[in-house]
Amino acid sequence: MGVDEAKLNEFIGRAVGDLGAAMSSTLMLIGDRLGFYKELAKAALTSTELARRTHTDERYVREWLGNQGAGGYVQFDPASNAWSLSPEQALCLADPNGPIDLPGAYNIVEATFHALERTIDNFKTGKGMEWGEHHACLFHGTERFFRAGYNANLIGSWLPALDGVVDKLKQGAKVADVGCGHGASTVLMAKTFPKSVFVGYDYHGDSVRIARERAAAAGVGNAQFEVADAVSYTGKDFDLIAFFDCLHDMGDPIGVSRHARQALKADGTAMIVEPFANDCVEDNLNPVGRVMYGASTQICVPVSLARKGPALGAQAGEARLREVVVTGGGFGHFRRATETPFNLVLEARP
């Protein structure tokens, strides 16, 4: 079989780029944990100056900077021998309130390596892995990565896209945040709408503990957190029930939808925020889809299979979710309220 040399070189070039990114993943974590990005966001620094400010060894710092510069993550000025972050790089690497928290995402990557042997076994046996069985870096990374999206979109875009919900929240509503994790979304909504009451539910006890700590640190008194899974929480008469990037993980998403339908008021709303996905596989074969399929293979699908669920996966798509929520859960109204490159925001009403 003949080989097209141009296509071969194109593939090798792509593979080398991916290899460089993979090799750099731990260095991203190092840059975050040792404070390199934060210092470079403040001023242009030589390797010696950066090492001095972070109390680290200059020789290692020099090599780290070379890696980051080659990847386009830091800027180098040969005239001054100094390295810096552009404003755009600083937003993504050193600002927890920026549009994306890239180092937080690499905590999730780190978790997949901790679970590698278990993942291999899952491939062979078809078994799953509960969320709480993962290394704690997954929980912290998930909070960081998704919190940036919530900060950028939840209050200004997602909630206003829901019919009449913001007015209810301003006047005083009862809200459930199901699968709340560390409570980033819950706390943000509670701070914004002090007249409303928020209850965060999660079946992972350690996450609930941290959510309570986050709420206390933020001075939020109108949010509480309870350990409960998505089909057993006892709260009722909610004006809004939110699912942030978690319904596709559930072992019984139809049961979860049905339970939410019963826990809502007659005029209540369910907000389902899911990873962005098209309904056809071929339409998801892009950079965002690659990230989502990667996380789904190693994290999302195993969580559902651990409870013998349908394993919707992080690329379930709107049509499949509609089937779960409407046909299975009994909701009468379902629509795409808005979207971002990373998320679908779906509205369901009784």
Protein backbone atom coordinates (compact mmCIF):
# COMPACT_ATOMS: atom_id res chain seq x y z
CA MET A 1 0.00 0.00 0.00
CA GLY A 2 1.40 3.36 -1.01
CA VAL A 3 2.00 6.03 1.58
CA ASP A 4 1.26 9.69 0.91
CA GLU A 5 4.33 11.42 2.34
CA ALA A 6 2.55 14.73 2.80
CA LYS A 7 -0.22 13.06 4.81
CA LEU A 8 2.36 11.10 6.79
CA ASN A 9 4.25 14.25 7.72
CA GLU A 10 1.00 16.01 8.60
CA PHE A 11 0.05 13.20 10.96
CA ILE A 12 3.50 13.03 12.54
CA GLY A 13 3.41 16.80 13.08
CA ARG A 14 0.06 16.53 14.82
CA ALA A 15 1.27 13.60 16.93
CA VAL A 16 4.44 15.43 17.98
CA GLY A 17 2.33 18.39 19.05
CA ASP A 18 0.15 16.09 21.15
CA LEU A 19 3.22 14.42 22.62
CA GLY A 20 4.59 17.79 23.64
CA ALA A 21 1.28 18.69 25.26
CA ALA A 22 1.17 15.39 27.14
CA MET A 23 4.76 15.77 28.32
CA SER A 24 3.93 19.28 29.52
CA SER A 25 0.88 18.32 31.57
CA THR A 26 2.76 17.81 34.82
CA LEU A 27 4.72 21.00 34.17
CA MET A 28 1.40 22.86 34.01
CA LEU A 29 0.63 21.54 37.47
CA ILE A 30 4.07 22.57 38.68
CA GLY A 31 3.63 26.08 37.30
CA ASP A 32 0.36 26.38 39.15
CA ARG A 33 1.40 24.84 42.47
CA LEU A 34 4.72 26.65 42.74
CA GLY A 35 3.22 30.00 41.82
CA PHE A 36 5.13 30.53 38.55
CA TYR A 37 2.11 31.70 36.57
CA LYS A 38 0.98 34.12 39.24
CA GLU A 39 4.42 35.75 39.43
CA LEU A 40 4.78 35.99 35.64
CA ALA A 41 1.36 37.64 35.50
CA LYS A 42 2.68 40.42 37.72
CA ALA A 43 5.87 41.29 35.81
CA ALA A 44 8.37 40.10 33.20
CA LEU A 45 11.04 38.07 34.99
CA THR A 46 14.28 36.29 34.22
CA SER A 47 14.62 32.70 35.33
CA THR A 48 16.76 33.89 38.25
CA GLU A 49 14.15 36.42 39.36
CA LEU A 50 11.31 33.92 39.05
CA ALA A 51 13.23 31.34 41.08
CA ARG A 52 13.99 33.92 43.76
CA ARG A 53 10.37 35.03 44.04
CA THR A 54 9.06 31.45 44.28
CA HIS A 55 11.90 30.05 46.44
CA THR A 56 12.75 27.44 43.84
CA ASP A 57 15.89 26.27 42.01
CA GLU A 58 16.86 28.43 39.03
CA ARG A 59 18.11 25.58 36.85
CA TYR A 60 14.77 23.79 37.02
CA VAL A 61 12.92 27.05 36.51
CA ARG A 62 14.99 27.82 33.41
CA GLU A 63 14.09 24.50 31.83
CA TRP A 64 10.42 24.90 32.77
CA LEU A 65 10.35 28.29 31.08
CA GLY A 66 11.81 26.79 27.92
CA ASN A 67 9.03 24.21 27.82
CA GLN A 68 6.34 26.79 28.41
CA GLY A 69 7.78 29.16 25.83
CA ALA A 70 7.99 26.41 23.20
CA GLY A 71 4.34 25.64 23.81
CA GLY A 72 3.25 29.27 23.49
CA TYR A 73 2.19 29.55 27.12
CA VAL A 74 4.69 32.26 28.10
CA GLN A 75 6.46 35.03 26.16
CA PHE A 76 10.23 35.45 25.88
CA ASP A 77 12.09 38.71 25.23
CA PRO A 78 15.67 37.96 24.03
CA ALA A 79 16.72 41.57 24.64
CA SER A 80 16.05 41.40 28.38
CA ASN A 81 16.22 37.61 28.78
CA ALA A 82 12.88 37.92 30.57
CA TRP A 83 9.71 35.87 30.42
CA SER A 84 6.16 37.08 30.87
CA LEU A 85 2.48 36.28 30.37
CA SER A 86 0.33 38.21 27.92
CA PRO A 87 -2.95 39.55 29.36
CA GLU A 88 -4.81 36.73 27.60
CA GLN A 89 -2.48 34.04 28.94
CA ALA A 90 -2.71 35.48 32.44
CA LEU A 91 -6.52 35.31 32.35
CA CYS A 92 -6.39 31.59 31.64
CA LEU A 93 -3.36 30.58 33.72
CA ALA A 94 -3.23 32.87 36.74
CA ASP A 95 -6.73 34.26 37.32
CA PRO A 96 -9.23 31.95 39.06
CA ASN A 97 -12.02 34.26 37.89
CA GLY A 98 -10.93 34.21 34.25
CA PRO A 99 -12.88 32.64 31.39
CA ILE A 100 -11.13 29.27 31.84
CA ASP A 101 -8.94 27.89 34.61
CA LEU A 102 -6.46 25.80 32.62
CA PRO A 103 -4.36 24.58 35.56
CA GLY A 104 -7.56 23.38 37.22
CA ALA A 105 -8.30 21.31 34.13
CA TYR A 106 -4.91 19.64 34.50
CA ASN A 107 -5.90 18.48 37.97
CA ILE A 108 -8.53 16.42 36.15
CA VAL A 109 -5.86 15.07 33.79
CA GLU A 110 -3.78 14.16 36.84
CA ALA A 111 -6.70 12.15 38.23
CA THR A 112 -6.90 10.01 35.09
CA PHE A 113 -3.32 8.85 35.64
CA HIS A 114 -4.08 7.96 39.25
CA ALA A 115 -6.95 5.80 37.94
CA LEU A 116 -5.07 4.29 34.97
CA GLU A 117 -4.83 0.70 36.23
CA ARG A 118 -8.47 0.77 37.27
CA THR A 119 -9.44 2.16 33.85
CA ILE A 120 -7.57 -0.64 32.08
CA ASP A 121 -9.44 -3.16 34.18
CA ASN A 122 -12.74 -1.46 33.37
CA PHE A 123 -12.03 -1.82 29.66
CA LYS A 124 -11.49 -5.55 30.14
CA THR A 125 -14.42 -6.22 32.45
CA GLY A 126 -17.02 -3.56 31.68
CA LYS A 127 -17.06 -2.56 35.35
CA GLY A 128 -17.23 1.01 36.61
CA MET A 129 -15.66 3.34 39.14
CA GLU A 130 -17.58 5.51 41.57
CA TRP A 131 -16.88 9.23 41.65
CA GLY A 132 -15.74 9.01 45.26
CA GLU A 133 -13.16 6.34 44.42
CA HIS A 134 -11.06 8.80 42.42
CA HIS A 135 -8.08 10.72 43.76
CA ALA A 136 -9.07 13.98 45.47
CA CYS A 137 -7.37 16.00 42.73
CA LEU A 138 -10.36 15.18 40.52
CA PHE A 139 -12.79 16.90 42.87
CA HIS A 140 -10.63 19.99 43.25
CA GLY A 141 -9.88 20.16 39.54
CA THR A 142 -13.54 19.82 38.64
CA GLU A 143 -14.43 22.67 40.98
CA ARG A 144 -11.75 24.93 39.53
CA PHE A 145 -12.40 24.17 35.87
CA PHE A 146 -16.18 24.46 36.01
CA ARG A 147 -16.23 27.38 38.45
CA ALA A 148 -14.61 29.57 35.79
CA GLY A 149 -17.46 28.78 33.40
CA TYR A 150 -20.04 29.46 36.07
CA ASN A 151 -18.43 32.79 36.94
CA ALA A 152 -18.46 33.80 33.29
CA ASN A 153 -21.92 32.59 32.34
CA LEU A 154 -24.27 31.45 35.09
CA ILE A 155 -25.56 34.78 36.38
CA GLY A 156 -25.25 36.89 33.26
CA SER A 157 -26.34 34.39 30.60
CA TRP A 158 -27.63 31.00 31.68
CA LEU A 159 -30.19 31.94 34.32
CA PRO A 160 -31.58 34.87 32.28
CA ALA A 161 -32.13 32.45 29.39
CA LEU A 162 -34.66 30.52 31.49
CA ASP A 163 -38.26 31.69 31.32
CA GLY A 164 -39.10 33.82 34.38
CA VAL A 165 -36.50 32.25 36.66
CA VAL A 166 -34.44 35.36 37.47
CA ASP A 167 -37.53 37.25 38.65
CA LYS A 168 -38.38 34.39 41.01
CA LEU A 169 -34.82 34.31 42.33
CA LYS A 170 -34.86 38.04 43.02
CA GLN A 171 -38.17 37.81 44.88
CA GLY A 172 -37.21 34.71 46.85
CA ALA A 173 -37.23 31.18 45.47
CA LYS A 174 -36.39 27.70 46.68
CA VAL A 175 -33.59 26.10 44.67
CA ALA A 176 -31.91 22.70 44.59
CA ASP A 177 -28.44 22.20 43.12
CA VAL A 178 -28.25 18.45 42.53
CA GLY A 179 -24.78 16.97 42.21
CA CYS A 180 -23.34 20.17 43.66
CA GLY A 181 -19.80 18.91 44.30
CA HIS A 182 -17.83 21.56 46.18
CA GLY A 183 -20.73 23.99 45.85
CA ALA A 184 -19.22 26.53 43.44
CA SER A 185 -22.48 26.98 41.54
CA THR A 186 -24.58 26.92 44.70
CA VAL A 187 -22.53 29.58 46.47
CA LEU A 188 -22.44 31.82 43.40
CA MET A 189 -26.22 31.76 43.04
CA ALA A 190 -26.76 32.23 46.78
CA LYS A 191 -24.50 35.30 46.87
CA THR A 192 -26.29 36.80 43.88
CA PHE A 193 -29.83 36.16 45.10
CA PRO A 194 -29.85 36.64 48.90
CA LYS A 195 -33.66 36.41 49.16
CA SER A 196 -33.67 32.87 47.80
CA VAL A 197 -32.81 29.64 49.63
CA PHE A 198 -30.44 27.12 48.08
CA VAL A 199 -29.91 23.46 48.95
CA GLY A 200 -26.95 21.61 47.45
CA TYR A 201 -27.16 17.82 47.26
CA ASP A 202 -24.30 15.44 46.56
CA TYR A 203 -23.74 11.78 47.40
CA HIS A 204 -20.02 12.34 48.02
CA GLY A 205 -19.63 13.19 51.69
CA ASP A 206 -16.22 14.86 51.45
CA SER A 207 -17.48 17.18 48.71
CA VAL A 208 -20.44 18.21 50.85
CA ARG A 209 -18.09 18.96 53.73
CA ILE A 210 -15.96 21.20 51.51
CA ALA A 211 -19.08 22.87 50.07
CA ARG A 212 -20.12 23.83 53.59
CA GLU A 213 -16.66 25.27 54.21
CA ARG A 214 -16.82 27.25 50.95
CA ALA A 215 -20.21 28.70 51.87
CA ALA A 216 -19.01 29.67 55.34
CA ALA A 217 -15.88 31.31 53.94
CA ALA A 218 -18.01 33.28 51.48
CA GLY A 219 -20.34 34.43 54.25
CA VAL A 220 -23.32 32.82 52.54
CA GLY A 221 -26.11 32.06 54.99
CA ASN A 222 -28.86 31.15 52.52
CA ALA A 223 -27.19 27.98 51.25
CA GLN A 224 -27.07 24.60 52.92
CA PHE A 225 -25.66 21.27 51.81
CA GLU A 226 -26.83 17.73 52.38
CA VAL A 227 -25.45 14.29 51.59
CA ALA A 228 -28.00 12.64 49.30
CA ASP A 229 -28.03 11.12 45.86
CA ALA A 230 -30.10 12.42 42.98
CA VAL A 231 -33.03 10.05 43.49
CA SER A 232 -33.32 10.21 47.27
CA TYR A 233 -33.17 13.85 48.39
CA THR A 234 -36.31 14.70 50.32
CA GLY A 235 -36.76 18.40 49.54
CA LYS A 236 -39.93 19.41 47.70
CA ASP A 237 -41.70 22.42 46.17
CA PHE A 238 -38.61 23.78 44.47
CA ASP A 239 -38.90 26.68 42.05
CA LEU A 240 -35.67 25.65 40.35
CA ILE A 241 -33.68 22.41 40.29
CA ALA A 242 -30.27 22.65 38.65
CA PHE A 243 -27.97 19.95 37.34
CA PHE A 244 -24.53 21.26 36.46
CA ASP A 245 -22.51 18.93 34.24
CA CYS A 246 -23.66 15.83 36.08
CA LEU A 247 -26.86 14.28 34.67
CA HIS A 248 -24.90 12.26 32.10
CA ASP A 249 -22.87 10.71 34.97
CA MET A 250 -25.91 9.38 36.79
CA GLY A 251 -26.60 5.68 37.25
CA ASP A 252 -30.32 6.27 36.76
CA PRO A 253 -30.79 9.50 34.80
CA ILE A 254 -34.43 8.69 34.05
CA GLY A 255 -35.11 8.15 37.74
CA VAL A 256 -33.23 11.36 38.50
CA SER A 257 -35.41 13.27 36.03
CA ARG A 258 -38.59 11.73 37.41
CA HIS A 259 -37.56 12.58 40.97
CA ALA A 260 -36.85 16.19 39.97
CA ARG A 261 -40.22 16.41 38.22
CA GLN A 262 -41.94 15.36 41.44
CA ALA A 263 -39.85 17.72 43.61
CA LEU A 264 -40.64 20.81 41.51
CA LYS A 265 -43.56 23.14 41.95
CA ALA A 266 -46.17 22.99 39.19
CA ASP A 267 -44.63 26.10 37.61
CA GLY A 268 -41.03 25.17 38.46
CA THR A 269 -38.04 24.80 36.16
CA ALA A 270 -35.24 22.29 35.79
CA MET A 271 -31.98 23.66 34.40
CA ILE A 272 -29.74 20.99 32.90
CA VAL A 273 -26.24 22.18 32.04
CA GLU A 274 -24.36 19.57 30.03
CA PRO A 275 -21.10 19.44 28.08
CA PHE A 276 -21.65 20.74 24.56
CA ALA A 277 -22.32 17.92 22.09
CA ASN A 278 -24.01 17.47 18.76
CA ASP A 279 -26.31 14.51 18.21
CA CYS A 280 -24.14 12.88 15.51
CA VAL A 281 -20.76 11.43 16.44
CA GLU A 282 -19.07 12.84 13.34
CA ASP A 283 -20.06 16.36 14.39
CA ASN A 284 -18.21 15.96 17.70
CA LEU A 285 -14.86 15.00 16.17
CA ASN A 286 -13.26 18.33 17.01
CA PRO A 287 -10.96 19.69 19.76
CA VAL A 288 -13.77 20.21 22.31
CA GLY A 289 -15.21 16.79 21.55
CA ARG A 290 -11.79 15.26 22.00
CA VAL A 291 -11.49 16.67 25.51
CA MET A 292 -15.02 15.60 26.39
CA TYR A 293 -14.69 12.06 25.03
CA GLY A 294 -11.40 11.73 26.88
CA ALA A 295 -12.90 12.73 30.21
CA SER A 296 -16.02 10.70 29.52
CA THR A 297 -14.10 7.49 28.82
CA GLN A 298 -12.13 7.67 32.05
CA ILE A 299 -14.52 9.43 34.45
CA CYS A 300 -18.12 9.86 33.32
CA VAL A 301 -18.91 6.48 31.79
CA PRO A 302 -17.30 4.53 34.68
CA VAL A 303 -19.37 6.47 37.25
CA SER A 304 -22.61 5.46 35.56
CA LEU A 305 -21.52 1.85 34.93
CA ALA A 306 -20.55 1.51 38.59
CA ARG A 307 -24.30 1.72 39.28
CA LYS A 308 -25.26 -0.35 36.23
CA GLY A 309 -26.51 2.77 34.51
CA PRO A 310 -26.89 3.59 30.81
CA ALA A 311 -23.56 5.47 30.64
CA LEU A 312 -24.86 8.42 28.64
CA GLY A 313 -21.38 9.90 28.55
CA ALA A 314 -20.28 13.51 28.30
CA GLN A 315 -21.23 13.66 24.61
CA ALA A 316 -24.80 12.46 25.03
CA GLY A 317 -26.27 15.27 22.91
CA GLU A 318 -29.55 17.14 23.14
CA ALA A 319 -31.75 14.50 21.50
CA ARG A 320 -30.67 11.76 23.92
CA LEU A 321 -31.09 14.09 26.89
CA ARG A 322 -34.55 15.07 25.68
CA GLU A 323 -35.49 11.41 25.60
CA VAL A 324 -34.28 10.94 29.17
CA VAL A 325 -35.92 14.06 30.60
CA VAL A 326 -39.18 14.16 28.64
CA THR A 327 -40.01 10.56 27.76
CA GLY A 328 -38.44 9.07 30.86
CA GLY A 329 -38.82 11.84 33.41
CA GLY A 330 -42.28 13.07 32.48
CA PHE A 331 -41.47 16.70 31.72
CA GLY A 332 -43.81 18.36 29.24
CA HIS A 333 -41.59 21.18 28.00
CA PHE A 334 -37.95 20.93 26.93
CA ARG A 335 -35.76 23.34 24.98
CA ARG A 336 -32.21 24.52 24.50
CA ALA A 337 -32.15 27.82 26.39
CA THR A 338 -28.62 28.84 25.41
CA GLU A 339 -25.16 27.45 24.80
CA THR A 340 -21.42 28.13 24.96
CA PRO A 341 -18.58 26.35 23.15
CA PHE A 342 -18.33 24.08 26.21
CA ASN A 343 -21.91 23.74 27.43
CA LEU A 344 -25.52 23.18 26.47
CA VAL A 345 -28.04 24.83 28.79
CA LEU A 346 -31.37 23.01 28.65
CA GLU A 347 -34.66 24.06 30.22
CA ALA A 348 -37.32 21.55 31.27
CA ARG A 349 -40.69 22.36 32.81
CA PRO A 350 -43.61 20.16 33.94
